[in-house]
Amino acid sequence: MKTSAPAKTAAKPAATKAVATKATEVSTVPTLASRLAAVKTAKSLNYYPSGAGWSKMWTNWDAAKINADLAKADALGADNVRIIIFPTQFGFPMPSDTYQQRLAQFVDMASARGMTVKFTLFDWWDGYDEIANSQNWANRILRAYKDDKRVLSVELQNEFNAGDTVAVNWARKLIPSLRSAFPTMPLTFSVDGVSGAPGMARIKSALASTPIDYYDFHLYGNSERALSIIKNAQATVAPYPMVIGETGLNTIQNTEGEQAAFLARVFEAAEVAGVQSVAPWTLNDFTQGAIPTSAVSKIPAQYSYGLYRLDGSAKPAAAVVKAGWTNTNMPVSLMDPSFEAGNNLTPWRAYMPELGLAVKTQSMARTGKWSISMTNTGKTSAGSSPSYRVAPIAPVKPGQKWHGEVWARGNAATGTTQIALSWFDANDKWLGGVSSSILPTGTTGWTKLAVDGVAPAGSASMQVHLKSGDNTGTVWFDDAVITAS
């Protein structure tokens, strides 16, 4: 997802008793198999404090704030936190005692909430020619946790570039060194969200002689085709296991409703694909100045991926994540079927608004207080109409039967008003669609429009459109239903 690799972590608040400042002894010695099994099922959350992101989490250390955030993560159902460790801040090649104590304190605080921790090393760092120093630095960071079951795994670098030959040579030397020193610690790399499955394929190929234990996939693509994306990634790294180590949507370019729907689609698709660990990015939105000066800090969207707003209140996505982690039903209001959610809380979005904008209104409603209206709409030369559109939460598969319905009414309506389903392949190529009967023109009462169709071969996503074209009057839509069988 990111242009420069940022650190991520999720947390939960500590108990009221004082927190130890160094790693405590843990009686049960983990094995590689036990750690890897825990990695594959971890309810993991990426985390930084809202006012101290990336390396500032360590330089502006605030244990009380971290405890409070760990409480939020705990309440959502998280049982694991990913934290990123920066050589420049921790001290390289000799880690500072101060920062190692802060790291140990974080592990203790997470453990007090029943949470394990994943470490990501060597973030915002490119000293790949310093192989011996890298080996020594990593050993000093990790040696206290060799047999500590509270630490599940080590990612050697966030969003690794396997196209960098110097970096690959460094990785080929670092992996066996850490494998020898920490034989029960699972090792991994991640790739950025743009590189996706091809990026993981490059890592797999480059490290064939020194393989890692599992792959960490960052999913920031189109969630409407999440199942196809995840399955493709799994096939790319097979037979190695894969987790979704980062996924999310910002709420500057998108609504909070779209963020919630995005995460719900990823959780649902991951379940179908058999990926049991999905880690949202990130717990909190970030304040201005929270991200250290960097390429990341200059991107406005990076400040708004949180499940929680800056005032501490939960976005709708928080309830989605809790449902995903606790294996309960997604919130009933998630799809906003009756259009009662606020404008920033709905997953629906206007399509082709230049030909006629779909707007929320209280001028007419079948149930509740709100409906969607369209007035004075046009149509393209190819016959496409403006619409109000959404994608389902359930993963889309070829051969699947889908049903859509909505209630509509018109006032001096003309043109074509329908509900329609459209299917797309993994490359977003339109494969076909079906439409309901047309709402009668003129002035009508509430009329149910219904459509049924089967996803064609190659389908990876589907969109539902409430559309009205060439309409010089007004139509209203309310109470939409979308189901698959």
Protein backbone atom coordinates (compact mmCIF):
# COMPACT_ATOMS: atom_id res chain seq x y z
CA MET A 1 0.00 0.00 0.00
CA LYS A 2 2.65 2.48 0.96
CA THR A 3 5.27 4.32 -1.04
CA SER A 4 7.84 4.11 1.74
CA ALA A 5 7.58 1.25 4.16
CA PRO A 6 5.88 2.41 7.37
CA ALA A 7 5.77 0.47 10.57
CA LYS A 8 2.54 -0.97 11.83
CA THR A 9 1.20 -2.25 15.07
CA ALA A 10 -2.00 -2.96 16.93
CA ALA A 11 -2.41 -2.91 20.65
CA LYS A 12 -4.55 -3.33 23.73
CA PRO A 13 -4.49 -1.56 27.12
CA ALA A 14 -2.48 -2.97 29.93
CA ALA A 15 -3.75 -3.99 33.33
CA THR A 16 -3.72 -1.52 36.18
CA LYS A 17 -0.63 -3.00 37.79
CA ALA A 18 2.81 -1.64 36.94
CA VAL A 19 4.31 -2.86 33.68
CA ALA A 20 7.70 -4.52 33.69
CA THR A 21 10.42 -2.83 31.68
CA LYS A 22 12.16 -5.89 30.32
CA ALA A 23 11.16 -9.20 28.80
CA THR A 24 9.93 -11.67 31.37
CA GLU A 25 10.63 -15.38 31.49
CA VAL A 26 8.08 -17.55 29.71
CA SER A 27 7.87 -21.16 30.81
CA THR A 28 6.72 -22.93 27.64
CA VAL A 29 9.39 -23.02 24.98
CA PRO A 30 7.86 -22.54 21.52
CA THR A 31 8.72 -24.60 18.47
CA LEU A 32 8.83 -23.45 14.87
CA ALA A 33 5.61 -25.38 14.25
CA SER A 34 3.80 -23.88 17.25
CA ARG A 35 4.81 -20.35 16.34
CA LEU A 36 3.90 -20.80 12.70
CA ALA A 37 0.52 -22.24 13.64
CA ALA A 38 -0.14 -19.16 15.78
CA VAL A 39 0.97 -16.84 12.96
CA LYS A 40 -1.55 -18.42 10.58
CA THR A 41 -4.49 -17.77 12.93
CA ALA A 42 -3.40 -14.51 14.59
CA LYS A 43 -6.01 -11.78 14.96
CA SER A 44 -3.37 -9.22 14.26
CA LEU A 45 -3.60 -5.44 14.18
CA ASN A 46 -1.13 -2.89 12.85
CA TYR A 47 -0.50 -0.11 15.31
CA TYR A 48 1.03 3.27 16.05
CA PRO A 49 -0.21 5.87 18.53
CA SER A 50 -2.26 8.55 16.78
CA GLY A 51 0.23 11.27 17.67
CA ALA A 52 3.45 9.30 17.15
CA GLY A 53 3.58 7.17 14.02
CA TRP A 54 6.40 5.13 12.56
CA SER A 55 9.73 5.83 14.28
CA LYS A 56 8.13 8.51 16.50
CA MET A 57 6.41 5.74 18.43
CA TRP A 58 9.83 4.90 19.88
CA THR A 59 11.38 8.35 20.12
CA ASN A 60 8.23 9.94 21.64
CA TRP A 61 7.54 6.96 23.89
CA ASP A 62 4.22 7.21 25.77
CA ALA A 63 3.45 4.01 27.67
CA ALA A 64 0.13 5.34 29.00
CA LYS A 65 -1.15 6.13 25.52
CA ILE A 66 0.00 2.76 24.24
CA ASN A 67 -1.79 1.04 27.13
CA ALA A 68 -4.99 2.87 26.28
CA ASP A 69 -4.71 1.88 22.64
CA LEU A 70 -4.00 -1.72 23.56
CA ALA A 71 -7.29 -1.64 25.46
CA LYS A 72 -9.12 -0.64 22.29
CA ALA A 73 -7.47 -3.42 20.31
CA ASP A 74 -8.30 -5.93 23.05
CA ALA A 75 -11.95 -4.87 23.00
CA LEU A 76 -12.06 -5.51 19.24
CA GLY A 77 -10.78 -9.05 19.75
CA ALA A 78 -7.17 -8.68 18.61
CA ASP A 79 -4.74 -11.24 20.02
CA ASN A 80 -1.60 -10.06 18.24
CA VAL A 81 0.18 -6.77 17.54
CA ARG A 82 2.65 -6.03 14.78
CA ILE A 83 5.37 -3.53 15.64
CA ILE A 84 8.11 -2.15 13.43
CA ILE A 85 11.63 -1.56 14.61
CA PHE A 86 13.84 1.10 13.03
CA PRO A 87 17.64 0.62 13.09
CA THR A 88 18.27 4.36 12.79
CA GLN A 89 16.26 5.14 15.92
CA PHE A 90 17.17 2.03 17.91
CA GLY A 91 20.86 2.48 17.24
CA PHE A 92 22.86 0.68 14.57
CA PRO A 93 24.90 -1.42 14.69
CA MET A 94 24.60 -1.40 18.49
CA PRO A 95 20.99 -1.08 19.73
CA SER A 96 20.47 1.36 22.56
CA ASP A 97 19.55 -0.08 25.96
CA THR A 98 16.81 2.57 26.21
CA TYR A 99 15.05 1.42 23.06
CA GLN A 100 15.46 -2.25 23.85
CA GLN A 101 13.81 -1.58 27.21
CA ARG A 102 10.94 0.16 25.43
CA LEU A 103 10.57 -2.82 23.12
CA ALA A 104 10.51 -5.17 26.11
CA GLN A 105 7.97 -2.96 27.84
CA PHE A 106 5.72 -3.10 24.78
CA VAL A 107 5.89 -6.90 24.71
CA ASP A 108 5.03 -6.99 28.43
CA MET A 109 2.10 -4.59 27.98
CA ALA A 110 0.71 -6.60 25.09
CA SER A 111 1.16 -9.83 27.04
CA ALA A 112 -0.78 -8.34 29.96
CA ARG A 113 -3.71 -8.14 27.52
CA GLY A 114 -3.22 -11.70 26.31
CA MET A 115 -1.65 -10.52 23.07
CA THR A 116 1.40 -11.80 21.25
CA VAL A 117 3.68 -9.61 19.13
CA LYS A 118 5.17 -9.76 15.64
CA PHE A 119 8.41 -7.91 14.99
CA THR A 120 9.27 -6.16 11.73
CA LEU A 121 12.95 -5.22 11.47
CA PHE A 122 15.02 -2.93 9.24
CA ASP A 123 12.29 -0.47 8.30
CA TRP A 124 13.22 2.77 6.52
CA TRP A 125 16.71 1.36 6.07
CA ASP A 126 18.82 0.44 3.03
CA GLY A 127 22.29 -0.32 4.38
CA TYR A 128 22.39 -3.64 2.54
CA ASP A 129 26.16 -3.63 2.22
CA GLU A 130 26.49 -3.86 6.02
CA ILE A 131 25.78 -7.58 6.24
CA ALA A 132 27.83 -8.41 9.34
CA ASN A 133 26.47 -5.42 11.22
CA SER A 134 22.94 -6.34 10.18
CA GLN A 135 23.39 -9.87 11.49
CA ASN A 136 24.81 -8.62 14.79
CA TRP A 137 22.13 -5.94 15.21
CA ALA A 138 19.28 -8.40 14.58
CA ASN A 139 20.82 -10.89 17.00
CA ARG A 140 21.01 -8.27 19.73
CA ILE A 141 17.38 -7.24 19.17
CA LEU A 142 16.04 -10.80 19.11
CA ARG A 143 18.14 -12.75 21.59
CA ALA A 144 15.89 -11.94 24.57
CA TYR A 145 12.92 -13.43 22.66
CA LYS A 146 14.48 -16.59 21.26
CA ASP A 147 12.33 -18.86 23.43
CA ASP A 148 9.66 -16.31 24.33
CA LYS A 149 6.32 -17.56 23.03
CA ARG A 150 4.92 -14.03 23.27
CA VAL A 151 6.86 -13.16 20.09
CA LEU A 152 5.39 -15.04 17.13
CA SER A 153 7.54 -14.14 14.15
CA VAL A 154 10.05 -11.80 12.57
CA GLU A 155 9.56 -9.94 9.32
CA LEU A 156 13.04 -9.04 8.15
CA GLN A 157 11.89 -5.96 6.26
CA ASN A 158 8.59 -4.34 5.47
CA GLU A 159 7.62 -4.27 1.78
CA PHE A 160 10.89 -5.75 0.55
CA ASN A 161 12.05 -5.00 -3.00
CA ALA A 162 13.24 -8.25 -4.54
CA GLY A 163 14.23 -6.33 -7.67
CA ASP A 164 17.14 -4.78 -5.78
CA THR A 165 20.05 -7.21 -6.25
CA VAL A 166 22.04 -5.73 -3.35
CA ALA A 167 19.02 -6.14 -1.06
CA VAL A 168 18.53 -9.73 -2.22
CA ASN A 169 22.18 -10.57 -1.50
CA TRP A 170 21.73 -9.07 1.98
CA ALA A 171 18.60 -11.16 2.56
CA ARG A 172 20.32 -14.35 1.39
CA LYS A 173 23.00 -13.81 4.04
CA LEU A 174 20.69 -12.63 6.82
CA ILE A 175 18.14 -15.47 6.60
CA PRO A 176 20.53 -18.36 7.31
CA SER A 177 22.25 -16.36 10.03
CA LEU A 178 18.98 -15.77 11.90
CA ARG A 179 17.77 -19.29 11.13
CA SER A 180 20.85 -20.65 12.88
CA ALA A 181 20.57 -18.32 15.87
CA PHE A 182 16.76 -18.54 16.23
CA PRO A 183 15.70 -21.88 14.72
CA THR A 184 12.14 -21.74 16.10
CA MET A 185 11.37 -18.19 14.90
CA PRO A 186 9.32 -17.99 11.66
CA LEU A 187 10.84 -15.53 9.18
CA THR A 188 9.01 -13.59 6.49
CA PHE A 189 9.04 -10.65 4.10
CA SER A 190 6.16 -8.56 2.80
CA VAL A 191 5.70 -6.65 -0.45
CA ASP A 192 3.97 -3.35 -1.07
CA GLY A 193 0.31 -3.34 -2.05
CA VAL A 194 1.05 -2.26 -5.62
CA SER A 195 3.47 -5.14 -6.31
CA GLY A 196 1.00 -7.68 -4.93
CA ALA A 197 1.28 -11.32 -5.99
CA PRO A 198 3.93 -10.66 -8.68
CA GLY A 199 6.06 -8.99 -6.02
CA MET A 200 5.76 -12.03 -3.77
CA ALA A 201 6.66 -14.24 -6.73
CA ARG A 202 9.87 -12.24 -7.15
CA ILE A 203 10.73 -12.75 -3.48
CA LYS A 204 10.03 -16.47 -3.73
CA SER A 205 12.24 -16.80 -6.79
CA ALA A 206 15.05 -14.61 -5.45
CA LEU A 207 15.16 -16.49 -2.13
CA ALA A 208 14.67 -20.01 -3.49
CA SER A 209 17.99 -21.12 -1.98
CA THR A 210 17.20 -19.53 1.41
CA PRO A 211 13.39 -19.68 1.67
CA ILE A 212 11.30 -17.88 4.26
CA ASP A 213 8.65 -19.66 6.35
CA TYR A 214 5.52 -17.82 5.24
CA TYR A 215 4.46 -14.85 3.13
CA ASP A 216 2.94 -11.60 4.33
CA PHE A 217 0.53 -10.17 1.75
CA HIS A 218 -0.48 -6.49 1.78
CA LEU A 219 -3.92 -6.12 0.20
CA TYR A 220 -4.83 -2.58 -0.85
CA GLY A 221 -6.37 -3.34 -4.23
CA ASN A 222 -9.99 -3.48 -5.30
CA SER A 223 -11.83 -5.28 -2.49
CA GLU A 224 -14.71 -6.04 -4.85
CA ARG A 225 -12.55 -8.81 -6.28
CA ALA A 226 -10.81 -9.71 -3.01
CA LEU A 227 -11.36 -13.45 -3.38
CA SER A 228 -9.66 -13.51 -6.77
CA ILE A 229 -6.77 -11.39 -5.48
CA ILE A 230 -6.24 -13.58 -2.41
CA LYS A 231 -6.42 -16.86 -4.31
CA ASN A 232 -3.95 -15.60 -6.88
CA ALA A 233 -1.56 -14.58 -4.11
CA GLN A 234 -1.93 -17.98 -2.42
CA ALA A 235 -1.20 -19.81 -5.66
CA THR A 236 1.87 -17.65 -6.22
CA VAL A 237 3.55 -18.57 -2.93
CA ALA A 238 2.34 -22.17 -2.61
CA PRO A 239 3.21 -24.43 -0.86
CA TYR A 240 4.15 -21.81 1.73
CA PRO A 241 1.39 -20.38 3.95
CA MET A 242 0.24 -16.79 3.58
CA VAL A 243 -1.33 -14.21 5.87
CA ILE A 244 -2.82 -10.83 5.05
CA GLY A 245 -0.48 -8.64 7.06
CA GLU A 246 -1.94 -5.30 6.00
CA THR A 247 -5.23 -4.23 4.48
CA GLY A 248 -7.35 -1.11 4.66
CA LEU A 249 -8.85 1.93 2.99
CA ASN A 250 -8.33 5.59 3.79
CA THR A 251 -11.27 7.83 4.66
CA ILE A 252 -10.06 10.98 2.93
CA GLN A 253 -10.57 9.70 -0.61
CA ASN A 254 -13.35 7.33 0.46
CA THR A 255 -16.26 7.40 2.87
CA GLU A 256 -16.18 5.65 6.23
CA GLY A 257 -18.94 3.42 4.87
CA GLU A 258 -16.73 2.39 1.97
CA GLN A 259 -13.87 1.65 4.38
CA ALA A 260 -16.13 -0.63 6.43
CA ALA A 261 -17.36 -2.44 3.30
CA PHE A 262 -13.78 -2.80 2.04
CA LEU A 263 -12.66 -4.55 5.20
CA ALA A 264 -15.79 -6.70 5.34
CA ARG A 265 -15.14 -7.94 1.80
CA VAL A 266 -11.54 -8.79 2.68
CA PHE A 267 -12.53 -10.69 5.83
CA GLU A 268 -15.27 -12.60 3.98
CA ALA A 269 -13.04 -13.44 1.03
CA ALA A 270 -10.16 -14.50 3.28
CA GLU A 271 -12.47 -16.91 5.08
CA VAL A 272 -13.56 -18.50 1.80
CA ALA A 273 -9.93 -18.74 0.65
CA GLY A 274 -8.82 -20.30 3.93
CA VAL A 275 -6.63 -17.39 5.06
CA GLN A 276 -7.23 -17.15 8.79
CA SER A 277 -5.17 -14.08 9.68
CA VAL A 278 -6.24 -10.64 8.43
CA ALA A 279 -4.50 -7.58 9.89
CA PRO A 280 -6.15 -4.17 9.33
CA TRP A 281 -4.01 -1.12 8.77
CA THR A 282 -4.29 0.65 11.21
CA LEU A 283 -5.82 1.19 14.68
CA ASN A 284 -5.81 5.00 14.69
CA ASP A 285 -5.94 7.96 12.36
CA PHE A 286 -2.84 10.15 12.71
CA THR A 287 -2.56 13.78 13.73
CA GLN A 288 -0.67 16.25 11.58
CA GLY A 289 2.99 15.92 12.48
CA ALA A 290 2.61 12.35 13.76
CA ILE A 291 4.41 10.88 10.75
CA PRO A 292 8.13 11.71 10.58
CA THR A 293 9.17 13.86 7.64
CA SER A 294 9.34 11.47 4.71
CA ALA A 295 7.61 10.55 1.47
CA VAL A 296 4.84 9.00 3.57
CA SER A 297 4.21 12.16 5.59
CA LYS A 298 3.49 14.09 2.39
CA ILE A 299 0.59 11.82 1.40
CA PRO A 300 -2.68 13.07 2.98
CA ALA A 301 -4.35 9.67 2.70
CA GLN A 302 -1.78 8.08 5.04
CA TYR A 303 -3.32 9.93 7.98
CA SER A 304 -6.80 8.40 7.69
CA TYR A 305 -6.60 4.59 7.55
CA GLY A 306 -7.54 4.20 11.23
CA LEU A 307 -10.42 2.24 12.69
CA TYR A 308 -10.72 5.11 15.17
CA ARG A 309 -10.98 8.83 14.50
CA LEU A 310 -8.70 11.39 16.12
CA ASP A 311 -11.34 12.12 18.77
CA GLY A 312 -11.17 8.46 19.80
CA SER A 313 -14.58 7.50 18.43
CA ALA A 314 -14.96 4.36 16.36
CA LYS A 315 -15.57 4.40 12.63
CA PRO A 316 -17.98 1.77 11.24
CA ALA A 317 -14.94 -0.29 10.24
CA ALA A 318 -14.21 -1.04 13.91
CA ALA A 319 -17.44 -3.04 14.21
CA VAL A 320 -16.57 -4.90 11.00
CA VAL A 321 -13.15 -5.89 12.33
CA LYS A 322 -14.66 -7.03 15.61
CA ALA A 323 -17.15 -9.20 13.73
CA GLY A 324 -14.36 -10.65 11.61
CA TRP A 325 -12.22 -11.51 14.61
CA THR A 326 -15.04 -12.83 16.80
CA ASN A 327 -16.65 -14.85 13.98
CA THR A 328 -19.98 -13.08 14.34
CA ASN A 329 -22.29 -11.61 11.71
CA MET A 330 -21.29 -8.38 10.02
CA PRO A 331 -23.32 -5.34 11.16
CA VAL A 332 -26.81 -5.29 9.66
CA SER A 333 -26.40 -1.63 8.72
CA LEU A 334 -23.16 -2.25 6.79
CA MET A 335 -24.75 -2.20 3.31
CA ASP A 336 -27.14 0.67 4.14
CA PRO A 337 -30.04 -1.02 2.29
CA SER A 338 -32.59 1.65 3.18
CA PHE A 339 -30.18 4.59 2.77
CA GLU A 340 -30.60 5.75 6.36
CA ALA A 341 -26.86 6.09 7.03
CA GLY A 342 -25.18 9.49 6.91
CA ASN A 343 -23.51 10.55 3.68
CA ASN A 344 -20.07 9.59 4.99
CA LEU A 345 -21.29 6.28 6.39
CA THR A 346 -22.69 4.55 3.30
CA PRO A 347 -20.82 2.21 0.95
CA TRP A 348 -22.96 3.36 -2.00
CA ARG A 349 -21.42 5.77 -4.49
CA ALA A 350 -22.76 7.85 -7.37
CA TYR A 351 -21.77 6.55 -10.82
CA MET A 352 -21.50 8.90 -13.81
CA PRO A 353 -22.77 11.84 -11.73
CA GLU A 354 -22.08 14.22 -14.62
CA LEU A 355 -25.18 12.74 -16.29
CA GLY A 356 -27.32 12.99 -13.17
CA LEU A 357 -26.41 12.87 -9.52
CA ALA A 358 -28.04 10.41 -7.13
CA VAL A 359 -28.78 12.26 -3.90
CA LYS A 360 -30.17 11.39 -0.49
CA THR A 361 -33.49 13.00 0.27
CA GLN A 362 -36.24 13.09 2.86
CA SER A 363 -38.79 14.28 0.31
CA MET A 364 -39.98 10.69 -0.16
CA ALA A 365 -39.33 7.42 1.68
CA ARG A 366 -40.92 4.00 1.61
CA THR A 367 -39.52 3.11 5.05
CA GLY A 368 -37.50 5.16 7.48
CA LYS A 369 -36.84 8.79 6.64
CA TRP A 370 -34.55 8.69 3.63
CA SER A 371 -34.44 7.51 0.03
CA ILE A 372 -32.29 8.17 -3.04
CA SER A 373 -33.56 10.40 -5.82
CA MET A 374 -32.42 11.09 -9.38
CA THR A 375 -33.74 13.99 -11.48
CA ASN A 376 -33.14 15.21 -15.05
CA THR A 377 -30.69 12.48 -16.01
CA GLY A 378 -28.98 11.86 -19.32
CA LYS A 379 -27.49 8.86 -21.07
CA THR A 380 -24.26 8.23 -23.00
CA SER A 381 -24.21 7.57 -26.74
CA ALA A 382 -23.53 3.93 -25.88
CA GLY A 383 -26.68 3.82 -23.75
CA SER A 384 -25.11 3.91 -20.28
CA SER A 385 -27.11 5.61 -17.53
CA PRO A 386 -26.05 7.33 -14.30
CA SER A 387 -26.68 5.31 -11.18
CA TYR A 388 -26.15 4.74 -7.48
CA ARG A 389 -23.90 1.72 -7.13
CA VAL A 390 -22.47 -0.68 -4.59
CA ALA A 391 -20.66 -4.03 -4.56
CA PRO A 392 -21.78 -6.91 -2.32
CA ILE A 393 -19.85 -8.04 0.74
CA ALA A 394 -20.05 -11.74 -0.13
CA PRO A 395 -17.25 -12.95 -2.43
CA VAL A 396 -18.22 -13.31 -6.09
CA LYS A 397 -17.65 -16.63 -7.85
CA PRO A 398 -18.47 -17.88 -11.36
CA GLY A 399 -21.77 -19.75 -11.59
CA GLN A 400 -23.17 -18.05 -8.48
CA LYS A 401 -26.84 -17.05 -8.56
CA TRP A 402 -27.56 -13.46 -7.53
CA HIS A 403 -30.78 -11.65 -6.76
CA GLY A 404 -31.27 -7.91 -6.49
CA GLU A 405 -34.36 -5.87 -5.76
CA VAL A 406 -35.31 -2.31 -4.91
CA TRP A 407 -38.47 -0.29 -4.54
CA ALA A 408 -38.84 2.65 -6.92
CA ARG A 409 -41.41 5.31 -7.72
CA GLY A 410 -41.58 8.16 -10.20
CA ASN A 411 -42.94 11.64 -10.64
CA ALA A 412 -43.40 12.55 -14.32
CA ALA A 413 -40.60 10.06 -14.96
CA THR A 414 -39.35 9.34 -18.47
CA GLY A 415 -36.57 7.21 -19.87
CA THR A 416 -35.30 4.00 -18.28
CA THR A 417 -35.25 3.29 -14.54
CA GLN A 418 -34.02 -0.15 -13.40
CA ILE A 419 -31.90 -2.17 -11.00
CA ALA A 420 -29.02 -3.91 -12.76
CA LEU A 421 -26.24 -6.38 -11.95
CA SER A 422 -22.87 -6.20 -13.73
CA TRP A 423 -20.00 -8.70 -13.53
CA PHE A 424 -16.28 -8.13 -14.06
CA ASP A 425 -13.22 -10.37 -14.33
CA ALA A 426 -10.01 -10.20 -12.30
CA ASN A 427 -8.74 -7.39 -14.54
CA ASP A 428 -11.96 -5.36 -14.16
CA LYS A 429 -13.11 -6.22 -17.68
CA TRP A 430 -16.90 -6.13 -17.98
CA LEU A 431 -18.25 -9.62 -18.62
CA GLY A 432 -21.96 -8.89 -18.87
CA GLY A 433 -24.99 -8.03 -16.82
CA VAL A 434 -28.72 -8.32 -16.33
CA SER A 435 -31.40 -5.71 -15.67
CA SER A 436 -34.84 -5.69 -14.15
CA SER A 437 -38.02 -4.65 -15.89
CA ILE A 438 -38.36 -0.91 -16.41
CA LEU A 439 -40.27 1.29 -13.98
CA PRO A 440 -43.38 2.55 -15.81
CA THR A 441 -43.04 6.14 -16.94
CA GLY A 442 -45.16 8.92 -15.54
CA THR A 443 -46.16 9.25 -11.90
CA THR A 444 -46.23 5.94 -10.03
CA GLY A 445 -46.42 4.56 -6.52
CA TRP A 446 -43.77 2.38 -4.94
CA THR A 447 -43.02 -0.49 -7.32
CA LYS A 448 -40.69 -3.42 -6.70
CA LEU A 449 -38.01 -3.91 -9.35
CA ALA A 450 -36.26 -7.28 -9.20
CA VAL A 451 -33.47 -8.91 -11.15
CA ASP A 452 -31.87 -12.38 -11.11
CA GLY A 453 -28.71 -13.54 -12.82
CA VAL A 454 -25.84 -15.99 -12.78
CA ALA A 455 -22.23 -14.81 -12.57
CA PRO A 456 -20.57 -15.75 -15.88
CA ALA A 457 -17.34 -17.70 -16.25
CA GLY A 458 -14.36 -15.69 -15.07
CA SER A 459 -16.37 -13.47 -12.72
CA ALA A 460 -14.34 -11.92 -9.90
CA SER A 461 -16.59 -9.03 -8.86
CA MET A 462 -20.11 -7.70 -9.22
CA GLN A 463 -21.74 -4.29 -8.99
CA VAL A 464 -25.35 -3.41 -8.26
CA HIS A 465 -26.65 -0.29 -10.02
CA LEU A 466 -29.83 1.63 -9.28
CA LYS A 467 -30.00 3.55 -12.53
CA SER A 468 -32.16 6.05 -14.28
CA GLY A 469 -31.31 7.48 -17.72
CA ASP A 470 -32.97 9.95 -20.10
CA ASN A 471 -35.30 10.91 -17.28
CA THR A 472 -36.70 14.45 -17.38
CA GLY A 473 -38.70 13.78 -14.21
CA THR A 474 -37.75 12.37 -10.81
CA VAL A 475 -37.43 8.83 -9.43
CA TRP A 476 -36.82 7.59 -5.91
CA PHE A 477 -35.21 4.33 -4.72
CA ASP A 478 -35.55 2.69 -1.31
CA ASP A 479 -35.10 -0.65 0.48
CA ALA A 480 -32.59 -2.48 -1.70
CA VAL A 481 -31.87 -6.19 -1.25
CA ILE A 482 -28.86 -8.08 -2.62
CA THR A 483 -28.47 -11.82 -2.02
CA ALA A 484 -26.44 -14.74 -3.40
CA SER A 485 -27.27 -18.43 -3.45
